Amino acid sequence: MLEVASTPKSRRERLRTGLSSGSLLRFPGAINPLSARLIEELGFEGVYLSGAVISAELALPDIGLTTQTEVVGRATETARVTNLPVLVDADTGFGEPVNVGRTVQLFEDAGAAGCHIEDQVNPKRCGHLDNKEIIDPVDMARRISAAVGARRDDDFVICARTDARAPEGLEGAIERARRYVDAGADMIFPEALADAGEFEQFRQAIDVPILANMTEFGKSELLTGDTLSGLGINVVIYPVTLLRVAMGAIERALATISNEGSQAGLVTDMQTRKRLYELVDYEGYNTFDDSVYNFSLDKKGQ
């Protein structure tokens, strides 16, 4: 009730243990804190916070318009309600290396377990769009070094994302990843790889954990968890899946109400009131409230 039982430290340790376990960690992208509760309840290993989702919820394109404050706020809200480690999309780090360092500390304060920082120029763009521009690898290494140097908890995971696959080819992306590992990155996120073969080549070339992005309508083949696990991938994110499913349902529901004049035909597809109350722990709050207010004092205590 009120707060989760685990501490941010324990959740970071849980992520570190998972990264070295040899098992694939599945991180669906939460669209709000309530969906993070569902992710935990349904047995996933972590929660992902996508910059694309946070942007879309604000009706903004994913081009670096969200602020550090907005993303840290969402991380705080999400980490408060789940015992799972929360991995946050930090885009380009919200500024120069000193800003990157502050971003990491704010995510630590928020209770996140890690974040990833990318090598695109600022303003960035969605990793599965064409004509991306990337910064010099030396400058990206400075971003990673600043992130590593600023963290106060060594278990907080610093993941380096490279968007070099399109502009520099697979070998160029692998070479950049090696530089970022040398700069201190704990994990590598090779964005927009084409297929299983490219993930396999990356896995063979890099000796730290690797994250795979299985986003729909993008440049990557949608690989199963079994395939990714067999390739030796450590983490898979499904960043925008829940948002796309939810927005599709919302659009259809609005059309039904508009066309039929009632939502009656939608009721069987809705989450019930009972299920919602379970997720928000209505009973737990009532019990807590009773323990605080439902008491009586004896004469000596009056």
C-alpha atoms as a PDB file:
ATOM      1  CA  MET A   1       0.000   0.000   0.000  1.00  0.00           C
ATOM      2  CA  LEU A   2       1.147   3.532  -0.804  1.00  0.00           C
ATOM      3  CA  GLU A   3       4.665   2.546  -1.886  1.00  0.00           C
ATOM      4  CA  VAL A   4       6.334  -0.585  -3.246  1.00  0.00           C
ATOM      5  CA  ALA A   5       8.284  -2.728  -0.814  1.00  0.00           C
ATOM      6  CA  SER A   6      11.579  -2.714  -2.730  1.00  0.00           C
ATOM      7  CA  THR A   7      14.193   0.034  -2.712  1.00  0.00           C
ATOM      8  CA  PRO A   8      15.753   1.674  -5.780  1.00  0.00           C
ATOM      9  CA  LYS A   9      19.049   0.039  -4.821  1.00  0.00           C
ATOM     10  CA  SER A  10      17.506  -3.437  -4.760  1.00  0.00           C
ATOM     11  CA  ARG A  11      15.892  -2.860  -8.157  1.00  0.00           C
ATOM     12  CA  ARG A  12      19.235  -1.802  -9.647  1.00  0.00           C
ATOM     13  CA  GLU A  13      20.850  -4.901  -8.190  1.00  0.00           C
ATOM     14  CA  ARG A  14      18.032  -6.951  -9.671  1.00  0.00           C
ATOM     15  CA  LEU A  15      18.770  -5.526 -13.123  1.00  0.00           C
ATOM     16  CA  ARG A  16      22.495  -6.172 -12.749  1.00  0.00           C
ATOM     17  CA  THR A  17      21.816  -9.753 -11.704  1.00  0.00           C
ATOM     18  CA  GLY A  18      19.469 -10.224 -14.634  1.00  0.00           C
ATOM     19  CA  LEU A  19      22.019  -8.904 -17.118  1.00  0.00           C
ATOM     20  CA  SER A  20      24.524 -11.518 -16.001  1.00  0.00           C
ATOM     21  CA  SER A  21      22.014 -14.383 -15.753  1.00  0.00           C
ATOM     22  CA  GLY A  22      22.131 -15.485 -19.381  1.00  0.00           C
ATOM     23  CA  SER A  23      18.354 -15.092 -19.647  1.00  0.00           C
ATOM     24  CA  LEU A  24      16.487 -12.603 -21.813  1.00  0.00           C
ATOM     25  CA  LEU A  25      14.968  -9.718 -19.841  1.00  0.00           C
ATOM     26  CA  ARG A  26      11.704  -8.403 -21.321  1.00  0.00           C
ATOM     27  CA  PHE A  27      10.927  -4.714 -20.815  1.00  0.00           C
ATOM     28  CA  PRO A  28       7.560  -3.601 -22.277  1.00  0.00           C
ATOM     29  CA  GLY A  29       7.130   0.146 -22.599  1.00  0.00           C
ATOM     30  CA  ALA A  30       4.764   1.537 -19.977  1.00  0.00           C
ATOM     31  CA  ILE A  31       2.356   4.246 -21.104  1.00  0.00           C
ATOM     32  CA  ASN A  32       1.572   5.332 -17.534  1.00  0.00           C
ATOM     33  CA  PRO A  33       2.208   4.106 -13.978  1.00  0.00           C
ATOM     34  CA  LEU A  34      -0.920   1.938 -14.023  1.00  0.00           C
ATOM     35  CA  SER A  35       0.373   0.006 -17.039  1.00  0.00           C
ATOM     36  CA  ALA A  36       3.651  -0.521 -15.165  1.00  0.00           C
ATOM     37  CA  ARG A  37       1.627  -2.298 -12.481  1.00  0.00           C
ATOM     38  CA  LEU A  38       0.216  -4.614 -15.135  1.00  0.00           C
ATOM     39  CA  ILE A  39       3.673  -5.275 -16.587  1.00  0.00           C
ATOM     40  CA  GLU A  40       4.835  -6.429 -13.171  1.00  0.00           C
ATOM     41  CA  GLU A  41       1.722  -8.467 -12.433  1.00  0.00           C
ATOM     42  CA  LEU A  42       1.992 -10.345 -15.732  1.00  0.00           C
ATOM     43  CA  GLY A  43       5.498 -11.554 -15.003  1.00  0.00           C
ATOM     44  CA  PHE A  44       7.837  -9.375 -17.065  1.00  0.00           C
ATOM     45  CA  GLU A  45      11.339  -8.615 -15.886  1.00  0.00           C
ATOM     46  CA  GLY A  46      11.353  -4.838 -16.191  1.00  0.00           C
ATOM     47  CA  VAL A  47       9.590  -1.658 -17.284  1.00  0.00           C
ATOM     48  CA  TYR A  48      10.792   0.578 -20.098  1.00  0.00           C
ATOM     49  CA  LEU A  49      10.043   4.284 -20.478  1.00  0.00           C
ATOM     50  CA  SER A  50      10.180   5.303 -24.130  1.00  0.00           C
ATOM     51  CA  GLY A  51      10.943   8.842 -25.196  1.00  0.00           C
ATOM     52  CA  ALA A  52       8.711   8.285 -28.211  1.00  0.00           C
ATOM     53  CA  VAL A  53       5.793   7.392 -25.945  1.00  0.00           C
ATOM     54  CA  ILE A  54       6.293  10.366 -23.629  1.00  0.00           C
ATOM     55  CA  SER A  55       6.465  12.643 -26.676  1.00  0.00           C
ATOM     56  CA  ALA A  56       3.385  11.104 -28.291  1.00  0.00           C
ATOM     57  CA  GLU A  57       1.337  11.415 -25.101  1.00  0.00           C
ATOM     58  CA  LEU A  58       2.091  15.152 -25.196  1.00  0.00           C
ATOM     59  CA  ALA A  59       1.016  15.207 -28.872  1.00  0.00           C
ATOM     60  CA  LEU A  60       4.612  15.979 -29.890  1.00  0.00           C
ATOM     61  CA  PRO A  61       6.852  14.305 -32.483  1.00  0.00           C
ATOM     62  CA  ASP A  62       9.849  12.337 -31.215  1.00  0.00           C
ATOM     63  CA  ILE A  63      12.466  14.961 -32.093  1.00  0.00           C
ATOM     64  CA  GLY A  64      13.866  15.882 -28.700  1.00  0.00           C
ATOM     65  CA  LEU A  65      11.097  18.286 -27.676  1.00  0.00           C
ATOM     66  CA  THR A  66      10.408  16.690 -24.302  1.00  0.00           C
ATOM     67  CA  THR A  67      12.344  18.197 -21.433  1.00  0.00           C
ATOM     68  CA  GLN A  68      14.557  16.638 -18.810  1.00  0.00           C
ATOM     69  CA  THR A  69      11.980  17.621 -16.188  1.00  0.00           C
ATOM     70  CA  GLU A  70       9.128  15.897 -18.026  1.00  0.00           C
ATOM     71  CA  VAL A  71      11.042  12.633 -18.480  1.00  0.00           C
ATOM     72  CA  VAL A  72      12.393  12.587 -14.922  1.00  0.00           C
ATOM     73  CA  GLY A  73       8.863  13.228 -13.674  1.00  0.00           C
ATOM     74  CA  ARG A  74       7.522  10.218 -15.550  1.00  0.00           C
ATOM     75  CA  ALA A  75      10.394   8.082 -14.234  1.00  0.00           C
ATOM     76  CA  THR A  76       9.565   9.144 -10.679  1.00  0.00           C
ATOM     77  CA  GLU A  77       5.868   8.362 -11.104  1.00  0.00           C
ATOM     78  CA  THR A  78       6.617   4.941 -12.590  1.00  0.00           C
ATOM     79  CA  ALA A  79       9.359   3.788 -10.226  1.00  0.00           C
ATOM     80  CA  ARG A  80       7.077   4.625  -7.292  1.00  0.00           C
ATOM     81  CA  VAL A  81       4.533   1.925  -8.223  1.00  0.00           C
ATOM     82  CA  THR A  82       6.580  -1.089  -9.349  1.00  0.00           C
ATOM     83  CA  ASN A  83       9.109  -3.461  -7.833  1.00  0.00           C
ATOM     84  CA  LEU A  84      10.590  -4.003 -11.299  1.00  0.00           C
ATOM     85  CA  PRO A  85      13.690  -2.161 -12.527  1.00  0.00           C
ATOM     86  CA  VAL A  86      12.790   0.832 -14.704  1.00  0.00           C
ATOM     87  CA  LEU A  87      14.981   1.616 -17.729  1.00  0.00           C
ATOM     88  CA  VAL A  88      14.583   5.143 -19.113  1.00  0.00           C
ATOM     89  CA  ASP A  89      15.159   6.574 -22.575  1.00  0.00           C
ATOM     90  CA  ALA A  90      17.341   9.647 -21.996  1.00  0.00           C
ATOM     91  CA  ASP A  91      17.563  10.598 -25.683  1.00  0.00           C
ATOM     92  CA  THR A  92      20.842  12.525 -26.145  1.00  0.00           C
ATOM     93  CA  GLY A  93      21.176  13.260 -22.427  1.00  0.00           C
ATOM     94  CA  PHE A  94      19.461  16.662 -22.532  1.00  0.00           C
ATOM     95  CA  GLY A  95      22.538  18.701 -23.328  1.00  0.00           C
ATOM     96  CA  GLU A  96      26.306  18.715 -23.122  1.00  0.00           C
ATOM     97  CA  PRO A  97      28.255  16.183 -20.996  1.00  0.00           C
ATOM     98  CA  VAL A  98      27.692  18.150 -17.792  1.00  0.00           C
ATOM     99  CA  ASN A  99      23.927  18.012 -18.483  1.00  0.00           C
ATOM    100  CA  VAL A 100      24.213  14.291 -19.140  1.00  0.00           C
ATOM    101  CA  GLY A 101      25.784  13.865 -15.712  1.00  0.00           C
ATOM    102  CA  ARG A 102      22.979  15.760 -14.028  1.00  0.00           C
ATOM    103  CA  THR A 103      20.411  13.725 -15.959  1.00  0.00           C
ATOM    104  CA  VAL A 104      21.865  10.502 -14.569  1.00  0.00           C
ATOM    105  CA  GLN A 105      21.733  11.802 -11.004  1.00  0.00           C
ATOM    106  CA  LEU A 106      18.135  12.922 -11.425  1.00  0.00           C
ATOM    107  CA  PHE A 107      17.202   9.464 -12.711  1.00  0.00           C
ATOM    108  CA  GLU A 108      18.932   7.938  -9.689  1.00  0.00           C
ATOM    109  CA  ASP A 109      16.885  10.207  -7.421  1.00  0.00           C
ATOM    110  CA  ALA A 110      13.748   9.179  -9.328  1.00  0.00           C
ATOM    111  CA  GLY A 111      14.352   5.510  -8.510  1.00  0.00           C
ATOM    112  CA  ALA A 112      15.213   4.331 -12.029  1.00  0.00           C
ATOM    113  CA  ALA A 113      17.565   1.383 -12.514  1.00  0.00           C
ATOM    114  CA  GLY A 114      19.283   2.670 -15.643  1.00  0.00           C
ATOM    115  CA  CYS A 115      19.039   4.795 -18.752  1.00  0.00           C
ATOM    116  CA  HIS A 116      20.279   4.821 -22.316  1.00  0.00           C
ATOM    117  CA  ILE A 117      21.951   7.733 -24.079  1.00  0.00           C
ATOM    118  CA  GLU A 118      22.290   7.944 -27.857  1.00  0.00           C
ATOM    119  CA  ASP A 119      24.818   9.277 -30.341  1.00  0.00           C
ATOM    120  CA  GLN A 120      22.456  11.338 -32.468  1.00  0.00           C
ATOM    121  CA  VAL A 121      22.798  15.081 -32.871  1.00  0.00           C
ATOM    122  CA  ASN A 122      20.390  17.260 -30.954  1.00  0.00           C
ATOM    123  CA  PRO A 123      17.559  17.647 -31.944  1.00  0.00           C
ATOM    124  CA  LYS A 124      17.304  13.913 -32.519  1.00  0.00           C
ATOM    125  CA  ARG A 125      14.719  11.920 -34.422  1.00  0.00           C
ATOM    126  CA  CYS A 126      13.080   8.532 -34.133  1.00  0.00           C
ATOM    127  CA  GLY A 127      15.685   5.822 -34.520  1.00  0.00           C
ATOM    128  CA  HIS A 128      13.759   4.053 -37.285  1.00  0.00           C
ATOM    129  CA  LEU A 129      13.448   7.059 -39.582  1.00  0.00           C
ATOM    130  CA  ASP A 130      15.801   7.888 -42.434  1.00  0.00           C
ATOM    131  CA  ASN A 131      18.407  10.662 -42.606  1.00  0.00           C
ATOM    132  CA  LYS A 132      19.529  10.507 -38.992  1.00  0.00           C
ATOM    133  CA  GLU A 133      22.635  12.488 -38.087  1.00  0.00           C
ATOM    134  CA  ILE A 134      25.111  11.248 -35.515  1.00  0.00           C
ATOM    135  CA  ILE A 135      27.831  13.006 -33.573  1.00  0.00           C
ATOM    136  CA  ASP A 136      31.541  12.278 -33.633  1.00  0.00           C
ATOM    137  CA  PRO A 137      32.276   9.115 -31.636  1.00  0.00           C
ATOM    138  CA  VAL A 138      34.735  11.050 -29.486  1.00  0.00           C
ATOM    139  CA  ASP A 139      31.940  13.386 -28.426  1.00  0.00           C
ATOM    140  CA  MET A 140      29.641  10.454 -27.697  1.00  0.00           C
ATOM    141  CA  ALA A 141      32.357   8.850 -25.603  1.00  0.00           C
ATOM    142  CA  ARG A 142      32.430  12.071 -23.585  1.00  0.00           C
ATOM    143  CA  ARG A 143      28.688  11.761 -22.996  1.00  0.00           C
ATOM    144  CA  ILE A 144      29.132   8.217 -21.704  1.00  0.00           C
ATOM    145  CA  SER A 145      32.134   9.122 -19.564  1.00  0.00           C
ATOM    146  CA  ALA A 146      30.158  11.973 -18.012  1.00  0.00           C
ATOM    147  CA  ALA A 147      27.235   9.641 -17.271  1.00  0.00           C
ATOM    148  CA  VAL A 148      29.491   7.042 -15.656  1.00  0.00           C
ATOM    149  CA  GLY A 149      31.408   9.646 -13.678  1.00  0.00           C
ATOM    150  CA  ALA A 150      28.268  11.304 -12.356  1.00  0.00           C
ATOM    151  CA  ARG A 151      26.416   8.250 -11.067  1.00  0.00           C
ATOM    152  CA  ARG A 152      26.568   7.671  -7.329  1.00  0.00           C
ATOM    153  CA  ASP A 153      25.322   4.084  -7.421  1.00  0.00           C
ATOM    154  CA  ASP A 154      27.586   1.774  -9.408  1.00  0.00           C
ATOM    155  CA  ASP A 155      24.615  -0.535 -10.005  1.00  0.00           C
ATOM    156  CA  PHE A 156      22.801   2.143 -12.027  1.00  0.00           C
ATOM    157  CA  VAL A 157      23.127   0.884 -15.615  1.00  0.00           C
ATOM    158  CA  ILE A 158      24.521   3.214 -18.279  1.00  0.00           C
ATOM    159  CA  CYS A 159      23.512   1.977 -21.719  1.00  0.00           C
ATOM    160  CA  ALA A 160      24.956   3.523 -24.881  1.00  0.00           C
ATOM    161  CA  ARG A 161      22.705   3.563 -27.920  1.00  0.00           C
ATOM    162  CA  THR A 162      24.232   3.892 -31.370  1.00  0.00           C
ATOM    163  CA  ASP A 163      22.195   4.978 -34.377  1.00  0.00           C
ATOM    164  CA  ALA A 164      25.131   4.427 -36.732  1.00  0.00           C
ATOM    165  CA  ARG A 165      23.743   1.371 -38.549  1.00  0.00           C
ATOM    166  CA  ALA A 166      22.117   3.437 -41.314  1.00  0.00           C
ATOM    167  CA  PRO A 167      24.698   6.208 -41.885  1.00  0.00           C
ATOM    168  CA  GLU A 168      27.875   4.165 -41.253  1.00  0.00           C
ATOM    169  CA  GLY A 169      26.876   0.547 -41.826  1.00  0.00           C
ATOM    170  CA  LEU A 170      27.021  -2.408 -39.472  1.00  0.00           C
ATOM    171  CA  GLU A 171      30.804  -2.362 -39.082  1.00  0.00           C
ATOM    172  CA  GLY A 172      30.742   1.337 -38.315  1.00  0.00           C
ATOM    173  CA  ALA A 173      28.097   0.776 -35.646  1.00  0.00           C
ATOM    174  CA  ILE A 174      30.130  -2.049 -34.100  1.00  0.00           C
ATOM    175  CA  GLU A 175      33.272   0.094 -34.013  1.00  0.00           C
ATOM    176  CA  ARG A 176      31.360   2.876 -32.299  1.00  0.00           C
ATOM    177  CA  ALA A 177      29.947   0.404 -29.766  1.00  0.00           C
ATOM    178  CA  ARG A 178      33.472  -0.709 -28.886  1.00  0.00           C
ATOM    179  CA  ARG A 179      34.457   2.901 -28.225  1.00  0.00           C
ATOM    180  CA  TYR A 180      31.451   3.417 -25.995  1.00  0.00           C
ATOM    181  CA  VAL A 181      32.272   0.290 -23.997  1.00  0.00           C
ATOM    182  CA  ASP A 182      35.807   1.635 -23.533  1.00  0.00           C
ATOM    183  CA  ALA A 183      34.252   4.862 -22.238  1.00  0.00           C
ATOM    184  CA  GLY A 184      32.424   2.878 -19.553  1.00  0.00           C
ATOM    185  CA  ALA A 185      29.068   1.833 -21.026  1.00  0.00           C
ATOM    186  CA  ASP A 186      27.568  -1.156 -19.202  1.00  0.00           C
ATOM    187  CA  MET A 187      25.297  -2.147 -22.097  1.00  0.00           C
ATOM    188  CA  ILE A 188      24.974  -1.405 -25.825  1.00  0.00           C
ATOM    189  CA  PHE A 189      21.749  -0.621 -27.685  1.00  0.00           C
ATOM    190  CA  PRO A 190      22.345  -1.006 -31.445  1.00  0.00           C
ATOM    191  CA  GLU A 191      19.357   0.771 -32.946  1.00  0.00           C
ATOM    192  CA  ALA A 192      17.594  -0.298 -36.150  1.00  0.00           C
ATOM    193  CA  LEU A 193      19.501  -3.493 -36.946  1.00  0.00           C
ATOM    194  CA  ALA A 194      17.879  -5.277 -39.856  1.00  0.00           C
ATOM    195  CA  ASP A 195      17.578  -8.909 -38.814  1.00  0.00           C
ATOM    196  CA  ALA A 196      18.792 -11.800 -36.688  1.00  0.00           C
ATOM    197  CA  GLY A 197      22.024 -12.024 -38.659  1.00  0.00           C
ATOM    198  CA  GLU A 198      22.998  -8.478 -37.771  1.00  0.00           C
ATOM    199  CA  PHE A 199      22.182  -9.026 -34.096  1.00  0.00           C
ATOM    200  CA  GLU A 200      24.332 -12.140 -34.193  1.00  0.00           C
ATOM    201  CA  GLN A 201      27.285 -10.200 -35.636  1.00  0.00           C
ATOM    202  CA  PHE A 202      26.887  -7.522 -33.006  1.00  0.00           C
ATOM    203  CA  ARG A 203      26.718 -10.111 -30.232  1.00  0.00           C
ATOM    204  CA  GLN A 204      29.925 -11.750 -31.408  1.00  0.00           C
ATOM    205  CA  ALA A 205      31.758  -8.423 -31.566  1.00  0.00           C
ATOM    206  CA  ILE A 206      30.706  -6.863 -28.233  1.00  0.00           C
ATOM    207  CA  ASP A 207      31.440  -8.355 -24.814  1.00  0.00           C
ATOM    208  CA  VAL A 208      28.911  -6.421 -22.696  1.00  0.00           C
ATOM    209  CA  PRO A 209      25.123  -6.939 -22.525  1.00  0.00           C
ATOM    210  CA  ILE A 210      23.145  -6.003 -25.636  1.00  0.00           C
ATOM    211  CA  LEU A 211      19.646  -4.556 -25.859  1.00  0.00           C
ATOM    212  CA  ALA A 212      17.328  -5.223 -28.806  1.00  0.00           C
ATOM    213  CA  ASN A 213      14.515  -2.887 -29.815  1.00  0.00           C
ATOM    214  CA  MET A 214      11.488  -4.741 -31.163  1.00  0.00           C
ATOM    215  CA  THR A 215       9.400  -1.784 -32.273  1.00  0.00           C
ATOM    216  CA  GLU A 216       6.610  -2.146 -34.812  1.00  0.00           C
ATOM    217  CA  PHE A 217       6.631  -0.488 -38.238  1.00  0.00           C
ATOM    218  CA  GLY A 218      10.389   0.028 -38.072  1.00  0.00           C
ATOM    219  CA  LYS A 219      13.519  -1.184 -39.811  1.00  0.00           C
ATOM    220  CA  SER A 220      14.106  -4.243 -37.608  1.00  0.00           C
ATOM    221  CA  GLU A 221      12.592  -7.672 -38.191  1.00  0.00           C
ATOM    222  CA  LEU A 222      10.287  -8.519 -35.273  1.00  0.00           C
ATOM    223  CA  LEU A 223      12.112 -11.423 -33.649  1.00  0.00           C
ATOM    224  CA  THR A 224      10.646 -13.719 -31.009  1.00  0.00           C
ATOM    225  CA  GLY A 225      11.952 -13.885 -27.486  1.00  0.00           C
ATOM    226  CA  ASP A 226      13.256 -17.395 -28.131  1.00  0.00           C
ATOM    227  CA  THR A 227      15.206 -16.177 -31.164  1.00  0.00           C
ATOM    228  CA  LEU A 228      16.709 -13.243 -29.282  1.00  0.00           C
ATOM    229  CA  SER A 229      17.587 -15.464 -26.344  1.00  0.00           C
ATOM    230  CA  GLY A 230      19.272 -17.932 -28.690  1.00  0.00           C
ATOM    231  CA  LEU A 231      21.333 -15.080 -30.133  1.00  0.00           C
ATOM    232  CA  GLY A 232      22.566 -14.162 -26.673  1.00  0.00           C
ATOM    233  CA  ILE A 233      20.676 -10.864 -26.438  1.00  0.00           C
ATOM    234  CA  ASN A 234      20.247  -9.727 -22.835  1.00  0.00           C
ATOM    235  CA  VAL A 235      17.344  -7.248 -22.946  1.00  0.00           C
ATOM    236  CA  VAL A 236      14.450  -6.714 -25.341  1.00  0.00           C
ATOM    237  CA  ILE A 237      12.242  -3.644 -25.255  1.00  0.00           C
ATOM    238  CA  TYR A 238       8.771  -3.259 -26.745  1.00  0.00           C
ATOM    239  CA  PRO A 239       8.748   0.538 -26.511  1.00  0.00           C
ATOM    240  CA  VAL A 240       5.555   1.702 -28.216  1.00  0.00           C
ATOM    241  CA  THR A 241       3.496  -1.497 -28.359  1.00  0.00           C
ATOM    242  CA  LEU A 242       1.119  -0.664 -25.509  1.00  0.00           C
ATOM    243  CA  LEU A 243       0.588   2.898 -26.721  1.00  0.00           C
ATOM    244  CA  ARG A 244      -0.235   1.717 -30.229  1.00  0.00           C
ATOM    245  CA  VAL A 245      -2.653  -0.920 -28.966  1.00  0.00           C
ATOM    246  CA  ALA A 246      -4.301   1.544 -26.581  1.00  0.00           C
ATOM    247  CA  MET A 247      -4.605   4.346 -29.115  1.00  0.00           C
ATOM    248  CA  GLY A 248      -6.026   1.947 -31.686  1.00  0.00           C
ATOM    249  CA  ALA A 249      -8.680   0.875 -29.174  1.00  0.00           C
ATOM    250  CA  ILE A 250      -9.405   4.472 -28.202  1.00  0.00           C
ATOM    251  CA  GLU A 251      -9.862   5.525 -31.819  1.00  0.00           C
ATOM    252  CA  ARG A 252     -12.233   2.622 -32.485  1.00  0.00           C
ATOM    253  CA  ALA A 253     -14.182   3.370 -29.296  1.00  0.00           C
ATOM    254  CA  LEU A 254     -14.643   7.024 -30.213  1.00  0.00           C
ATOM    255  CA  ALA A 255     -15.851   6.006 -33.666  1.00  0.00           C
ATOM    256  CA  THR A 256     -18.349   3.600 -32.102  1.00  0.00           C
ATOM    257  CA  ILE A 257     -19.728   6.268 -29.776  1.00  0.00           C
ATOM    258  CA  SER A 258     -19.948   8.737 -32.637  1.00  0.00           C
ATOM    259  CA  ASN A 259     -21.645   6.291 -34.997  1.00  0.00           C
ATOM    260  CA  GLU A 260     -23.912   4.443 -32.555  1.00  0.00           C
ATOM    261  CA  GLY A 261     -24.619   7.143 -30.001  1.00  0.00           C
ATOM    262  CA  SER A 262     -23.654   4.908 -27.075  1.00  0.00           C
ATOM    263  CA  GLN A 263     -20.699   3.017 -25.619  1.00  0.00           C
ATOM    264  CA  ALA A 264     -22.890   0.021 -24.736  1.00  0.00           C
ATOM    265  CA  GLY A 265     -21.324  -2.152 -27.419  1.00  0.00           C
ATOM    266  CA  LEU A 266     -17.857  -1.532 -25.997  1.00  0.00           C
ATOM    267  CA  VAL A 267     -18.484  -2.654 -22.437  1.00  0.00           C
ATOM    268  CA  THR A 268     -17.428  -6.277 -22.928  1.00  0.00           C
ATOM    269  CA  ASP A 269     -13.996  -5.112 -24.134  1.00  0.00           C
ATOM    270  CA  MET A 270     -13.410  -2.759 -21.206  1.00  0.00           C
ATOM    271  CA  GLN A 271     -11.342  -3.318 -18.097  1.00  0.00           C
ATOM    272  CA  THR A 272     -13.904  -3.764 -15.335  1.00  0.00           C
ATOM    273  CA  ARG A 273     -14.237  -1.506 -12.328  1.00  0.00           C
ATOM    274  CA  LYS A 274     -13.281  -4.489 -10.124  1.00  0.00           C
ATOM    275  CA  ARG A 275     -10.081  -5.085 -12.088  1.00  0.00           C
ATOM    276  CA  LEU A 276      -9.127  -1.411 -11.962  1.00  0.00           C
ATOM    277  CA  TYR A 277      -9.652  -1.344  -8.209  1.00  0.00           C
ATOM    278  CA  GLU A 278      -7.410  -4.403  -7.860  1.00  0.00           C
ATOM    279  CA  LEU A 279      -4.617  -2.694  -9.765  1.00  0.00           C
ATOM    280  CA  VAL A 280      -4.760   0.526  -7.758  1.00  0.00           C
ATOM    281  CA  ASP A 281      -5.051  -1.493  -4.506  1.00  0.00           C
ATOM    282  CA  TYR A 282      -8.294   0.084  -3.381  1.00  0.00           C
ATOM    283  CA  GLU A 283      -8.659  -2.468  -0.587  1.00  0.00           C
ATOM    284  CA  GLY A 284      -5.171  -1.785   0.697  1.00  0.00           C
ATOM    285  CA  TYR A 285      -5.837   1.925   0.921  1.00  0.00           C
ATOM    286  CA  ASN A 286      -9.086   1.289   2.767  1.00  0.00           C
ATOM    287  CA  THR A 287      -7.308  -0.981   5.236  1.00  0.00           C
ATOM    288  CA  PHE A 288      -4.606   1.597   5.778  1.00  0.00           C
ATOM    289  CA  ASP A 289      -7.169   4.354   6.254  1.00  0.00           C
ATOM    290  CA  ASP A 290      -9.064   2.270   8.805  1.00  0.00           C
ATOM    291  CA  SER A 291      -5.862   1.645  10.752  1.00  0.00           C
ATOM    292  CA  VAL A 292      -5.229   5.386  10.964  1.00  0.00           C
ATOM    293  CA  TYR A 293      -8.697   6.778  11.649  1.00  0.00           C
ATOM    294  CA  ASN A 294     -10.843   3.988  13.124  1.00  0.00           C
ATOM    295  CA  PHE A 295      -9.666   4.012  16.725  1.00  0.00           C
ATOM    296  CA  SER A 296     -10.859   5.060  20.149  1.00  0.00           C
ATOM    297  CA  LEU A 297      -9.025   6.482  23.141  1.00  0.00           C
ATOM    298  CA  ASP A 298      -9.403   5.313  26.705  1.00  0.00           C
ATOM    299  CA  LYS A 299      -9.996   7.854  29.434  1.00  0.00           C
ATOM    300  CA  LYS A 300      -6.310   8.247  30.192  1.00  0.00           C
ATOM    301  CA  GLY A 301      -5.574   9.061  26.575  1.00  0.00           C
ATOM    302  CA  GLN A 302      -8.319  11.679  26.237  1.00  0.00           C
END
